[in-house]
Amino acid sequence: MYGYKCEYCDGTVQEQVVEREAFKHRDGFVILEHVPVGVCDKCGYRYYHSSLLHRIEEICTKREVPERMELVPVAAFA
């Protein structure tokens, strides 16, 4: 699925499993754990497979129930 050239540098995109990855969706945020993503081995830019993006859509639109919910702290900068 990966192994192609990065569109931003001359690096190669390799699959890497990351512990946690946060995604913003028009309906909120989703955090996925142990998720395979494409990462450029030179600049670090991340690429996401369409199946991953469809899963995020399913969770945000409540067609798939998440395993758990977490509270996120929010504070003003100054």
Protein backbone atom coordinates (compact mmCIF):
# COMPACT_ATOMS: atom_id res chain seq x y z
CA MET A 1 0.00 0.00 0.00
CA TYR A 2 2.93 2.33 0.71
CA GLY A 3 6.45 2.54 -0.71
CA TYR A 4 5.88 5.46 -3.08
CA LYS A 5 7.73 8.80 -3.24
CA CYS A 6 6.67 11.62 -0.94
CA GLU A 7 5.00 14.50 -2.78
CA TYR A 8 6.88 17.10 -0.66
CA CYS A 9 10.47 15.78 -0.80
CA ASP A 10 12.45 12.93 -2.32
CA GLY A 11 11.78 10.58 0.60
CA THR A 12 9.83 7.32 0.51
CA VAL A 13 6.53 6.76 2.30
CA GLN A 14 6.70 3.73 4.60
CA GLU A 15 4.00 2.17 6.77
CA GLN A 16 4.39 2.85 10.46
CA VAL A 17 2.05 1.88 13.30
CA VAL A 18 1.59 4.85 15.63
CA GLU A 19 0.37 4.58 19.22
CA ARG A 20 -2.24 7.36 18.98
CA GLU A 21 -3.29 9.62 16.15
CA ALA A 22 -5.84 12.45 16.49
CA PHE A 23 -8.06 13.46 13.58
CA LYS A 24 -10.27 16.52 13.21
CA HIS A 25 -13.59 15.97 11.48
CA ARG A 26 -16.32 18.50 10.75
CA ASP A 27 -18.38 16.77 13.46
CA GLY A 28 -15.62 16.62 16.08
CA PHE A 29 -12.37 14.83 16.90
CA VAL A 30 -11.45 11.14 16.88
CA ILE A 31 -8.38 9.51 18.41
CA LEU A 32 -7.39 6.15 16.94
CA GLU A 33 -4.91 3.87 18.67
CA HIS A 34 -2.38 1.48 17.10
CA VAL A 35 -3.14 2.84 13.64
CA PRO A 36 -1.07 2.15 10.51
CA VAL A 37 -0.18 5.35 8.65
CA GLY A 38 2.19 6.20 5.83
CA VAL A 39 5.13 8.31 7.02
CA CYS A 40 7.79 9.85 4.80
CA ASP A 41 11.18 8.56 5.90
CA LYS A 42 12.78 11.94 5.16
CA CYS A 43 10.40 14.79 6.05
CA GLY A 44 7.90 12.91 8.27
CA TYR A 45 4.79 13.96 6.33
CA ARG A 46 1.90 11.57 7.06
CA TYR A 47 -0.38 9.88 4.54
CA TYR A 48 -3.66 8.19 5.44
CA HIS A 49 -5.27 5.31 3.57
CA SER A 50 -8.88 5.86 2.47
CA SER A 51 -10.09 2.97 4.67
CA LEU A 52 -8.76 4.85 7.71
CA LEU A 53 -10.55 8.03 6.66
CA HIS A 54 -13.80 6.11 6.13
CA ARG A 55 -13.50 4.67 9.65
CA ILE A 56 -13.12 8.19 11.08
CA GLU A 57 -16.24 9.25 9.17
CA GLU A 58 -18.18 6.30 10.60
CA ILE A 59 -17.20 7.16 14.17
CA CYS A 60 -17.83 10.91 13.87
CA THR A 61 -21.25 10.43 12.31
CA LYS A 62 -22.14 7.88 15.03
CA ARG A 63 -22.56 4.97 12.61
CA GLU A 64 -19.84 3.18 14.57
CA VAL A 65 -19.63 3.27 18.36
CA PRO A 66 -16.20 4.12 19.82
CA GLU A 67 -14.63 1.85 22.44
CA ARG A 68 -14.51 4.66 24.97
CA MET A 69 -14.73 8.43 25.36
CA GLU A 70 -12.05 10.68 26.90
CA LEU A 71 -12.28 14.20 28.28
CA VAL A 72 -9.93 16.76 26.77
CA PRO A 73 -8.79 19.73 28.88
CA VAL A 74 -9.25 23.17 27.32
CA ALA A 75 -7.66 26.42 28.58
CA ALA A 76 -7.00 29.92 27.31
CA PHE A 77 -3.40 30.62 26.28
CA ALA A 78 -3.14 33.88 28.24
